[in-house]
Amino acid sequence: MAIITVSREMGTGAYQIASDVAKKLKYTLIDGPRIKSLATKYGLTPEMLQMVDEKPPSYVTAEDRKRAAALNAIELIILELARKGNVVVYGRGGQDLLKGCRNLLRLRFIAEFEGRVERFAEREWIDPDMARLLIRRSDHQRGGFIHFYFDRDWQDPDNYDLVFNTSRLSEATIADCIITTVKEPALKESDKSSVAVIDSIILSKKIETALLNAPALEDYRPFTISTNKGDVSISGYIVSEIQKKAAIEIVKSVKGVTSVTEDIHVVDYKAYKEKM
């Protein structure tokens, strides 16, 4: 039930390698098309999916919270597929989302910049200058997403089990290396604990999504949420006792929650600002 996660720079050829590995291992590839095919079941429109996929969220306005909830929906798709095991999670902070699962094989794909430009320009039939612009923008966006949302430097090699430079190694050699590594006994020995970890993450995401989508929580900022099976602990700040009570009831209403322990402090930011 190994889970392979893929972090990649644009133009490295990582997608073809990930597809080949998934096919040879008979794993499910969790990529953009797979997520898109399931999006409507999770309440995601194609427009919202494109708007939030691999984009850092904000929580200031009601529209911001709606987008953050949509990002959670994407993560729930990934988590519920990963729960079955034998998957390749392509991008989207998969290794961070599944942090705590000991059966992860975390991959990173890099390549020389001009080589990436040439590969991307040929693939998309575009001018090399346009390819350079798009690659720089993609690197900035994806790196920013990981840094902001998961508080991690996506270029740090210490965060990966294997880093492949596709400027130096062939796709076939890289694929063979991955397939050999995924058979590592330590990954198989960690299978049993991963389902419980993923279930815990799923429940936390469902709670967070319910809170983000709640009209009664006009000034909601994300709580710290921890779960132990159905026992849930939430902590953070909110603007009124009314909204605090509403938040607790929302958490209790989420399927799978059996008990709630809270450490929510009421802080009226608006009243504080008016006094200044």
C-alpha atoms as a PDB file:
ATOM      1  CA  MET A   1       0.000   0.000   0.000  1.00  0.00           C
ATOM      2  CA  ALA A   2       2.887   2.357  -0.714  1.00  0.00           C
ATOM      3  CA  ILE A   3       2.131   5.984  -1.540  1.00  0.00           C
ATOM      4  CA  ILE A   4       4.413   7.762  -3.994  1.00  0.00           C
ATOM      5  CA  THR A   5       4.402  11.563  -3.970  1.00  0.00           C
ATOM      6  CA  VAL A   6       5.843  13.671  -6.763  1.00  0.00           C
ATOM      7  CA  SER A   7       7.220  17.205  -6.475  1.00  0.00           C
ATOM      8  CA  ARG A   8       8.328  18.668  -9.788  1.00  0.00           C
ATOM      9  CA  GLU A   9       9.598  21.689 -11.611  1.00  0.00           C
ATOM     10  CA  MET A  10       7.803  22.486 -14.866  1.00  0.00           C
ATOM     11  CA  GLY A  11       9.519  21.057 -17.930  1.00  0.00           C
ATOM     12  CA  THR A  12      11.336  18.191 -16.194  1.00  0.00           C
ATOM     13  CA  GLY A  13       9.293  15.435 -17.849  1.00  0.00           C
ATOM     14  CA  ALA A  14       8.088  14.304 -14.434  1.00  0.00           C
ATOM     15  CA  TYR A  15       4.524  13.686 -15.593  1.00  0.00           C
ATOM     16  CA  GLN A  16       5.514  11.082 -18.177  1.00  0.00           C
ATOM     17  CA  ILE A  17       7.718   9.281 -15.647  1.00  0.00           C
ATOM     18  CA  ALA A  18       4.977   9.339 -12.989  1.00  0.00           C
ATOM     19  CA  SER A  19       2.469   7.988 -15.536  1.00  0.00           C
ATOM     20  CA  ASP A  20       4.826   5.196 -16.608  1.00  0.00           C
ATOM     21  CA  VAL A  21       5.579   4.224 -13.007  1.00  0.00           C
ATOM     22  CA  ALA A  22       1.887   4.151 -12.113  1.00  0.00           C
ATOM     23  CA  LYS A  23       1.122   2.008 -15.157  1.00  0.00           C
ATOM     24  CA  LYS A  24       3.927  -0.491 -14.491  1.00  0.00           C
ATOM     25  CA  LEU A  25       3.078  -0.787 -10.785  1.00  0.00           C
ATOM     26  CA  LYS A  26      -0.678  -0.789 -11.502  1.00  0.00           C
ATOM     27  CA  TYR A  27      -1.037   2.188  -9.166  1.00  0.00           C
ATOM     28  CA  THR A  28      -3.661   4.920  -9.401  1.00  0.00           C
ATOM     29  CA  LEU A  29      -2.236   8.203 -10.670  1.00  0.00           C
ATOM     30  CA  ILE A  30      -3.783  11.116  -8.765  1.00  0.00           C
ATOM     31  CA  ASP A  31      -3.270  14.022 -11.154  1.00  0.00           C
ATOM     32  CA  GLY A  32      -5.237  16.965 -12.523  1.00  0.00           C
ATOM     33  CA  PRO A  33      -7.506  14.912 -14.827  1.00  0.00           C
ATOM     34  CA  ARG A  34      -8.263  12.404 -12.047  1.00  0.00           C
ATOM     35  CA  ILE A  35      -9.164  15.188  -9.620  1.00  0.00           C
ATOM     36  CA  LYS A  36     -11.251  16.937 -12.278  1.00  0.00           C
ATOM     37  CA  SER A  37     -13.214  13.742 -12.960  1.00  0.00           C
ATOM     38  CA  LEU A  38     -14.215  13.535  -9.282  1.00  0.00           C
ATOM     39  CA  ALA A  39     -14.606  17.251  -8.578  1.00  0.00           C
ATOM     40  CA  THR A  40     -18.392  17.502  -8.966  1.00  0.00           C
ATOM     41  CA  LYS A  41     -18.898  14.756  -6.352  1.00  0.00           C
ATOM     42  CA  TYR A  42     -17.151  17.041  -3.869  1.00  0.00           C
ATOM     43  CA  GLY A  43     -19.104  20.142  -4.851  1.00  0.00           C
ATOM     44  CA  LEU A  44     -16.368  21.642  -7.022  1.00  0.00           C
ATOM     45  CA  THR A  45     -17.152  23.414 -10.281  1.00  0.00           C
ATOM     46  CA  PRO A  46     -14.506  23.344 -13.056  1.00  0.00           C
ATOM     47  CA  GLU A  47     -14.068  27.107 -12.621  1.00  0.00           C
ATOM     48  CA  MET A  48     -13.446  26.881  -8.875  1.00  0.00           C
ATOM     49  CA  LEU A  49     -11.109  23.910  -9.358  1.00  0.00           C
ATOM     50  CA  GLN A  50      -8.945  25.888 -11.759  1.00  0.00           C
ATOM     51  CA  MET A  51      -9.023  28.896  -9.447  1.00  0.00           C
ATOM     52  CA  VAL A  52      -7.727  27.135  -6.330  1.00  0.00           C
ATOM     53  CA  ASP A  53      -5.693  24.131  -7.508  1.00  0.00           C
ATOM     54  CA  GLU A  54      -2.111  24.531  -6.180  1.00  0.00           C
ATOM     55  CA  LYS A  55      -2.819  28.169  -5.224  1.00  0.00           C
ATOM     56  CA  PRO A  56      -2.076  29.514  -1.718  1.00  0.00           C
ATOM     57  CA  PRO A  57      -5.331  30.254   0.144  1.00  0.00           C
ATOM     58  CA  SER A  58      -6.374  33.351   2.062  1.00  0.00           C
ATOM     59  CA  TYR A  59      -8.962  33.632   4.840  1.00  0.00           C
ATOM     60  CA  VAL A  60      -9.854  37.324   5.015  1.00  0.00           C
ATOM     61  CA  THR A  61     -13.178  37.592   3.181  1.00  0.00           C
ATOM     62  CA  ALA A  62     -16.125  35.235   2.754  1.00  0.00           C
ATOM     63  CA  GLU A  63     -14.990  34.617  -0.831  1.00  0.00           C
ATOM     64  CA  ASP A  64     -11.494  33.774   0.418  1.00  0.00           C
ATOM     65  CA  ARG A  65     -12.943  31.223   2.821  1.00  0.00           C
ATOM     66  CA  LYS A  66     -15.038  29.737   0.031  1.00  0.00           C
ATOM     67  CA  ARG A  67     -11.889  29.214  -2.015  1.00  0.00           C
ATOM     68  CA  ALA A  68     -10.039  27.747   0.976  1.00  0.00           C
ATOM     69  CA  ALA A  69     -12.918  25.290   1.433  1.00  0.00           C
ATOM     70  CA  ALA A  70     -12.616  24.355  -2.251  1.00  0.00           C
ATOM     71  CA  LEU A  71      -8.913  23.647  -1.767  1.00  0.00           C
ATOM     72  CA  ASN A  72      -9.893  21.376   1.130  1.00  0.00           C
ATOM     73  CA  ALA A  73     -12.233  19.539  -1.251  1.00  0.00           C
ATOM     74  CA  ILE A  74      -9.304  18.848  -3.589  1.00  0.00           C
ATOM     75  CA  GLU A  75      -7.327  17.538  -0.640  1.00  0.00           C
ATOM     76  CA  LEU A  76     -10.195  15.275   0.401  1.00  0.00           C
ATOM     77  CA  ILE A  77     -10.192  13.766  -3.091  1.00  0.00           C
ATOM     78  CA  ILE A  78      -6.468  13.052  -2.757  1.00  0.00           C
ATOM     79  CA  LEU A  79      -6.770  11.709   0.779  1.00  0.00           C
ATOM     80  CA  GLU A  80      -9.659   9.352   0.086  1.00  0.00           C
ATOM     81  CA  LEU A  81      -7.873   7.926  -2.957  1.00  0.00           C
ATOM     82  CA  ALA A  82      -4.584   7.656  -1.037  1.00  0.00           C
ATOM     83  CA  ARG A  83      -6.359   5.838   1.782  1.00  0.00           C
ATOM     84  CA  LYS A  84      -6.742   2.848  -0.562  1.00  0.00           C
ATOM     85  CA  GLY A  85      -2.991   2.775  -1.111  1.00  0.00           C
ATOM     86  CA  ASN A  86      -0.985   2.015  -4.234  1.00  0.00           C
ATOM     87  CA  VAL A  87      -1.173   5.554  -5.582  1.00  0.00           C
ATOM     88  CA  VAL A  88       1.076   8.158  -7.179  1.00  0.00           C
ATOM     89  CA  VAL A  89       0.147  11.643  -5.967  1.00  0.00           C
ATOM     90  CA  TYR A  90       1.281  14.122  -8.590  1.00  0.00           C
ATOM     91  CA  GLY A  91       2.064  17.521  -7.080  1.00  0.00           C
ATOM     92  CA  ARG A  92      -0.384  19.425  -4.843  1.00  0.00           C
ATOM     93  CA  GLY A  93       1.793  19.098  -1.757  1.00  0.00           C
ATOM     94  CA  GLY A  94       1.014  15.400  -1.488  1.00  0.00           C
ATOM     95  CA  GLN A  95       3.895  14.598   0.841  1.00  0.00           C
ATOM     96  CA  ASP A  96       2.898  17.436   3.183  1.00  0.00           C
ATOM     97  CA  LEU A  97      -0.785  16.609   3.075  1.00  0.00           C
ATOM     98  CA  LEU A  98       0.025  12.999   3.984  1.00  0.00           C
ATOM     99  CA  LYS A  99       2.650  13.880   6.564  1.00  0.00           C
ATOM    100  CA  GLY A 100       2.694  11.273   9.298  1.00  0.00           C
ATOM    101  CA  CYS A 101       2.221   8.323   6.936  1.00  0.00           C
ATOM    102  CA  ARG A 102       5.357   6.218   7.112  1.00  0.00           C
ATOM    103  CA  ASN A 103       4.769   4.438   3.813  1.00  0.00           C
ATOM    104  CA  LEU A 104       5.478   7.516   1.688  1.00  0.00           C
ATOM    105  CA  LEU A 105       8.108   7.524  -1.035  1.00  0.00           C
ATOM    106  CA  ARG A 106       8.779  11.227  -1.604  1.00  0.00           C
ATOM    107  CA  LEU A 107      10.178  12.091  -5.041  1.00  0.00           C
ATOM    108  CA  ARG A 108      11.521  15.348  -6.426  1.00  0.00           C
ATOM    109  CA  PHE A 109      12.224  16.092 -10.115  1.00  0.00           C
ATOM    110  CA  ILE A 110      14.596  18.853 -11.200  1.00  0.00           C
ATOM    111  CA  ALA A 111      16.467  19.774 -14.381  1.00  0.00           C
ATOM    112  CA  GLU A 112      18.660  22.512 -15.826  1.00  0.00           C
ATOM    113  CA  PHE A 113      16.580  25.606 -16.552  1.00  0.00           C
ATOM    114  CA  GLU A 114      17.339  25.925 -20.272  1.00  0.00           C
ATOM    115  CA  GLY A 115      16.710  22.225 -20.735  1.00  0.00           C
ATOM    116  CA  ARG A 116      13.310  22.666 -19.137  1.00  0.00           C
ATOM    117  CA  VAL A 117      12.635  25.613 -21.442  1.00  0.00           C
ATOM    118  CA  GLU A 118      13.494  23.576 -24.513  1.00  0.00           C
ATOM    119  CA  ARG A 119      11.404  20.592 -23.431  1.00  0.00           C
ATOM    120  CA  PHE A 120       8.376  22.736 -22.533  1.00  0.00           C
ATOM    121  CA  ALA A 121       8.589  24.882 -25.682  1.00  0.00           C
ATOM    122  CA  GLU A 122       8.696  21.771 -27.895  1.00  0.00           C
ATOM    123  CA  ARG A 123       5.841  20.101 -26.033  1.00  0.00           C
ATOM    124  CA  GLU A 124       3.550  23.121 -26.157  1.00  0.00           C
ATOM    125  CA  TRP A 125       4.718  24.483 -29.528  1.00  0.00           C
ATOM    126  CA  ILE A 126       5.476  27.902 -28.085  1.00  0.00           C
ATOM    127  CA  ASP A 127       8.275  30.459 -28.327  1.00  0.00           C
ATOM    128  CA  PRO A 128      11.228  29.791 -25.965  1.00  0.00           C
ATOM    129  CA  ASP A 129      10.869  33.258 -24.413  1.00  0.00           C
ATOM    130  CA  MET A 130       7.239  32.491 -23.581  1.00  0.00           C
ATOM    131  CA  ALA A 131       8.316  29.120 -22.189  1.00  0.00           C
ATOM    132  CA  ARG A 132      10.856  30.845 -19.909  1.00  0.00           C
ATOM    133  CA  LEU A 133       8.170  33.216 -18.623  1.00  0.00           C
ATOM    134  CA  LEU A 134       5.678  30.409 -17.949  1.00  0.00           C
ATOM    135  CA  ILE A 135       8.260  28.202 -16.237  1.00  0.00           C
ATOM    136  CA  ARG A 136       9.423  31.008 -13.943  1.00  0.00           C
ATOM    137  CA  ARG A 137       5.807  31.816 -13.101  1.00  0.00           C
ATOM    138  CA  SER A 138       5.033  28.158 -12.441  1.00  0.00           C
ATOM    139  CA  ASP A 139       8.072  27.710 -10.192  1.00  0.00           C
ATOM    140  CA  HIS A 140       7.159  30.831  -8.245  1.00  0.00           C
ATOM    141  CA  GLN A 141       3.532  29.785  -7.864  1.00  0.00           C
ATOM    142  CA  ARG A 142       4.204  26.185  -6.843  1.00  0.00           C
ATOM    143  CA  GLY A 143       7.071  27.072  -4.547  1.00  0.00           C
ATOM    144  CA  GLY A 144       4.926  29.810  -2.996  1.00  0.00           C
ATOM    145  CA  PHE A 145       2.043  27.414  -2.476  1.00  0.00           C
ATOM    146  CA  ILE A 146       4.238  24.937  -0.596  1.00  0.00           C
ATOM    147  CA  HIS A 147       5.945  27.673   1.430  1.00  0.00           C
ATOM    148  CA  PHE A 148       2.740  29.488   2.412  1.00  0.00           C
ATOM    149  CA  TYR A 149       0.409  26.542   2.899  1.00  0.00           C
ATOM    150  CA  PHE A 150       2.791  23.927   4.301  1.00  0.00           C
ATOM    151  CA  ASP A 151       5.606  26.157   5.634  1.00  0.00           C
ATOM    152  CA  ARG A 152       8.295  24.283   3.733  1.00  0.00           C
ATOM    153  CA  ASP A 153      11.000  25.082   1.179  1.00  0.00           C
ATOM    154  CA  TRP A 154      10.127  22.871  -1.792  1.00  0.00           C
ATOM    155  CA  GLN A 155      13.751  22.989  -3.029  1.00  0.00           C
ATOM    156  CA  ASP A 156      15.268  21.566   0.164  1.00  0.00           C
ATOM    157  CA  PRO A 157      16.553  18.055  -0.749  1.00  0.00           C
ATOM    158  CA  ASP A 158      16.271  16.926   2.871  1.00  0.00           C
ATOM    159  CA  ASN A 159      12.486  16.804   2.386  1.00  0.00           C
ATOM    160  CA  TYR A 160      12.692  14.039  -0.217  1.00  0.00           C
ATOM    161  CA  ASP A 161      13.741  10.408  -0.359  1.00  0.00           C
ATOM    162  CA  LEU A 162      14.917  10.575  -3.978  1.00  0.00           C
ATOM    163  CA  VAL A 163      15.812  13.604  -6.124  1.00  0.00           C
ATOM    164  CA  PHE A 164      16.149  13.026  -9.874  1.00  0.00           C
ATOM    165  CA  ASN A 165      17.876  15.354 -12.323  1.00  0.00           C
ATOM    166  CA  THR A 166      16.189  14.575 -15.643  1.00  0.00           C
ATOM    167  CA  SER A 167      18.908  16.494 -17.486  1.00  0.00           C
ATOM    168  CA  ARG A 168      21.323  13.739 -16.500  1.00  0.00           C
ATOM    169  CA  LEU A 169      19.250  10.561 -16.283  1.00  0.00           C
ATOM    170  CA  SER A 170      16.924   8.895 -18.780  1.00  0.00           C
ATOM    171  CA  GLU A 171      13.216   8.440 -18.064  1.00  0.00           C
ATOM    172  CA  ALA A 172      13.640   4.653 -18.197  1.00  0.00           C
ATOM    173  CA  THR A 173      16.491   4.678 -15.651  1.00  0.00           C
ATOM    174  CA  ILE A 174      14.524   6.910 -13.265  1.00  0.00           C
ATOM    175  CA  ALA A 175      11.364   4.800 -13.588  1.00  0.00           C
ATOM    176  CA  ASP A 176      13.310   1.593 -12.886  1.00  0.00           C
ATOM    177  CA  CYS A 177      14.889   3.173  -9.802  1.00  0.00           C
ATOM    178  CA  ILE A 178      11.489   4.222  -8.439  1.00  0.00           C
ATOM    179  CA  ILE A 179       9.939   0.807  -9.065  1.00  0.00           C
ATOM    180  CA  THR A 180      12.836  -0.894  -7.283  1.00  0.00           C
ATOM    181  CA  THR A 181      12.714   1.497  -4.339  1.00  0.00           C
ATOM    182  CA  VAL A 182       8.957   1.197  -3.788  1.00  0.00           C
ATOM    183  CA  LYS A 183       9.518  -2.480  -2.948  1.00  0.00           C
ATOM    184  CA  GLU A 184      11.613  -1.470   0.066  1.00  0.00           C
ATOM    185  CA  PRO A 185      10.427  -3.626   3.028  1.00  0.00           C
ATOM    186  CA  ALA A 186      10.282  -0.604   5.348  1.00  0.00           C
ATOM    187  CA  LEU A 187       7.543   0.948   3.210  1.00  0.00           C
ATOM    188  CA  LYS A 188       5.440  -2.213   3.360  1.00  0.00           C
ATOM    189  CA  GLU A 189       5.925  -2.554   7.108  1.00  0.00           C
ATOM    190  CA  SER A 190       4.422   0.913   7.610  1.00  0.00           C
ATOM    191  CA  ASP A 191       1.198   0.145   5.728  1.00  0.00           C
ATOM    192  CA  LYS A 192      -0.939  -0.731   8.737  1.00  0.00           C
ATOM    193  CA  SER A 193      -0.567   2.589  10.535  1.00  0.00           C
ATOM    194  CA  SER A 194      -1.144   4.796   7.493  1.00  0.00           C
ATOM    195  CA  VAL A 195      -4.913   4.219   7.222  1.00  0.00           C
ATOM    196  CA  ALA A 196      -5.489   5.532  10.744  1.00  0.00           C
ATOM    197  CA  VAL A 197      -3.300   8.573  10.026  1.00  0.00           C
ATOM    198  CA  ILE A 198      -5.189   9.349   6.812  1.00  0.00           C
ATOM    199  CA  ASP A 199      -8.558   8.880   8.512  1.00  0.00           C
ATOM    200  CA  SER A 200      -7.499  11.433  11.108  1.00  0.00           C
ATOM    201  CA  ILE A 201      -6.436  13.911   8.419  1.00  0.00           C
ATOM    202  CA  ILE A 202      -9.704  13.378   6.520  1.00  0.00           C
ATOM    203  CA  LEU A 203     -11.785  14.098   9.607  1.00  0.00           C
ATOM    204  CA  SER A 204      -9.778  17.259  10.320  1.00  0.00           C
ATOM    205  CA  LYS A 205     -10.278  18.438   6.737  1.00  0.00           C
ATOM    206  CA  LYS A 206     -14.023  17.785   6.901  1.00  0.00           C
ATOM    207  CA  ILE A 207     -14.279  19.785  10.118  1.00  0.00           C
ATOM    208  CA  GLU A 208     -12.234  22.625   8.683  1.00  0.00           C
ATOM    209  CA  THR A 209     -14.345  22.665   5.513  1.00  0.00           C
ATOM    210  CA  ALA A 210     -17.593  22.782   7.516  1.00  0.00           C
ATOM    211  CA  LEU A 211     -16.281  25.746   9.501  1.00  0.00           C
ATOM    212  CA  LEU A 212     -15.081  27.593   6.393  1.00  0.00           C
ATOM    213  CA  ASN A 213     -18.455  27.109   4.672  1.00  0.00           C
ATOM    214  CA  ALA A 214     -20.570  28.148   7.681  1.00  0.00           C
ATOM    215  CA  PRO A 215     -22.529  31.404   7.021  1.00  0.00           C
ATOM    216  CA  ALA A 216     -22.849  31.909  10.792  1.00  0.00           C
ATOM    217  CA  LEU A 217     -19.072  32.326  11.159  1.00  0.00           C
ATOM    218  CA  GLU A 218     -18.620  35.646   9.392  1.00  0.00           C
ATOM    219  CA  ASP A 219     -15.176  36.366  10.840  1.00  0.00           C
ATOM    220  CA  TYR A 220     -13.829  32.827  11.099  1.00  0.00           C
ATOM    221  CA  ARG A 221     -10.085  32.263  10.951  1.00  0.00           C
ATOM    222  CA  PRO A 222      -8.831  28.669  10.865  1.00  0.00           C
ATOM    223  CA  PHE A 223      -8.653  26.886  14.189  1.00  0.00           C
ATOM    224  CA  THR A 224      -5.976  24.435  15.193  1.00  0.00           C
ATOM    225  CA  ILE A 225      -7.690  21.068  14.879  1.00  0.00           C
ATOM    226  CA  SER A 226      -6.445  17.719  16.159  1.00  0.00           C
ATOM    227  CA  THR A 227      -8.268  14.403  16.081  1.00  0.00           C
ATOM    228  CA  ASN A 228      -7.868  11.040  17.760  1.00  0.00           C
ATOM    229  CA  LYS A 229     -10.365   8.794  16.060  1.00  0.00           C
ATOM    230  CA  GLY A 230     -13.633  10.614  16.849  1.00  0.00           C
ATOM    231  CA  ASP A 231     -12.247  12.735  19.682  1.00  0.00           C
ATOM    232  CA  VAL A 232     -11.634  16.263  18.419  1.00  0.00           C
ATOM    233  CA  SER A 233      -9.742  19.166  19.978  1.00  0.00           C
ATOM    234  CA  ILE A 234     -10.088  22.677  18.572  1.00  0.00           C
ATOM    235  CA  SER A 235      -8.331  25.866  19.613  1.00  0.00           C
ATOM    236  CA  GLY A 236      -8.051  29.403  18.326  1.00  0.00           C
ATOM    237  CA  TYR A 237      -9.775  32.763  18.397  1.00  0.00           C
ATOM    238  CA  ILE A 238     -13.193  34.049  17.377  1.00  0.00           C
ATOM    239  CA  VAL A 239     -15.010  37.374  17.664  1.00  0.00           C
ATOM    240  CA  SER A 240     -18.047  36.563  19.816  1.00  0.00           C
ATOM    241  CA  GLU A 241     -19.602  34.038  22.177  1.00  0.00           C
ATOM    242  CA  ILE A 242     -22.407  33.509  19.664  1.00  0.00           C
ATOM    243  CA  GLN A 243     -19.959  32.524  16.941  1.00  0.00           C
ATOM    244  CA  LYS A 244     -17.998  30.381  19.396  1.00  0.00           C
ATOM    245  CA  LYS A 245     -21.119  28.379  20.283  1.00  0.00           C
ATOM    246  CA  ALA A 246     -22.016  28.100  16.597  1.00  0.00           C
ATOM    247  CA  ALA A 247     -18.512  26.821  15.754  1.00  0.00           C
ATOM    248  CA  ILE A 248     -18.658  24.135  18.452  1.00  0.00           C
ATOM    249  CA  GLU A 249     -22.065  22.954  17.211  1.00  0.00           C
ATOM    250  CA  ILE A 250     -20.778  22.825  13.635  1.00  0.00           C
ATOM    251  CA  VAL A 251     -17.850  20.650  14.701  1.00  0.00           C
ATOM    252  CA  LYS A 252     -20.161  18.320  16.645  1.00  0.00           C
ATOM    253  CA  SER A 253     -22.379  17.935  13.565  1.00  0.00           C
ATOM    254  CA  VAL A 254     -19.587  16.577  11.351  1.00  0.00           C
ATOM    255  CA  LYS A 255     -19.992  12.862  10.730  1.00  0.00           C
ATOM    256  CA  GLY A 256     -17.391  10.868  12.643  1.00  0.00           C
ATOM    257  CA  VAL A 257     -17.018  13.325  15.534  1.00  0.00           C
ATOM    258  CA  THR A 258     -17.856  11.726  18.897  1.00  0.00           C
ATOM    259  CA  SER A 259     -16.552  14.353  21.335  1.00  0.00           C
ATOM    260  CA  VAL A 260     -15.230  17.916  21.225  1.00  0.00           C
ATOM    261  CA  THR A 261     -12.720  19.593  23.510  1.00  0.00           C
ATOM    262  CA  GLU A 262     -12.310  23.317  22.879  1.00  0.00           C
ATOM    263  CA  ASP A 263      -9.887  26.060  23.803  1.00  0.00           C
ATOM    264  CA  ILE A 264     -11.430  28.909  21.815  1.00  0.00           C
ATOM    265  CA  HIS A 265     -10.852  32.460  23.015  1.00  0.00           C
ATOM    266  CA  VAL A 266     -13.256  35.281  22.197  1.00  0.00           C
ATOM    267  CA  VAL A 267     -11.439  38.374  20.930  1.00  0.00           C
ATOM    268  CA  ASP A 268     -13.489  41.183  19.389  1.00  0.00           C
ATOM    269  CA  TYR A 269     -11.004  42.600  16.876  1.00  0.00           C
ATOM    270  CA  LYS A 270     -13.474  45.152  15.507  1.00  0.00           C
ATOM    271  CA  ALA A 271     -14.218  46.624  18.936  1.00  0.00           C
ATOM    272  CA  TYR A 272     -10.495  46.773  19.672  1.00  0.00           C
ATOM    273  CA  LYS A 273      -9.808  48.672  16.437  1.00  0.00           C
ATOM    274  CA  GLU A 274     -12.592  51.164  17.138  1.00  0.00           C
ATOM    275  CA  LYS A 275     -10.973  52.060  20.495  1.00  0.00           C
ATOM    276  CA  MET A 276      -7.611  52.802  18.873  1.00  0.00           C
END
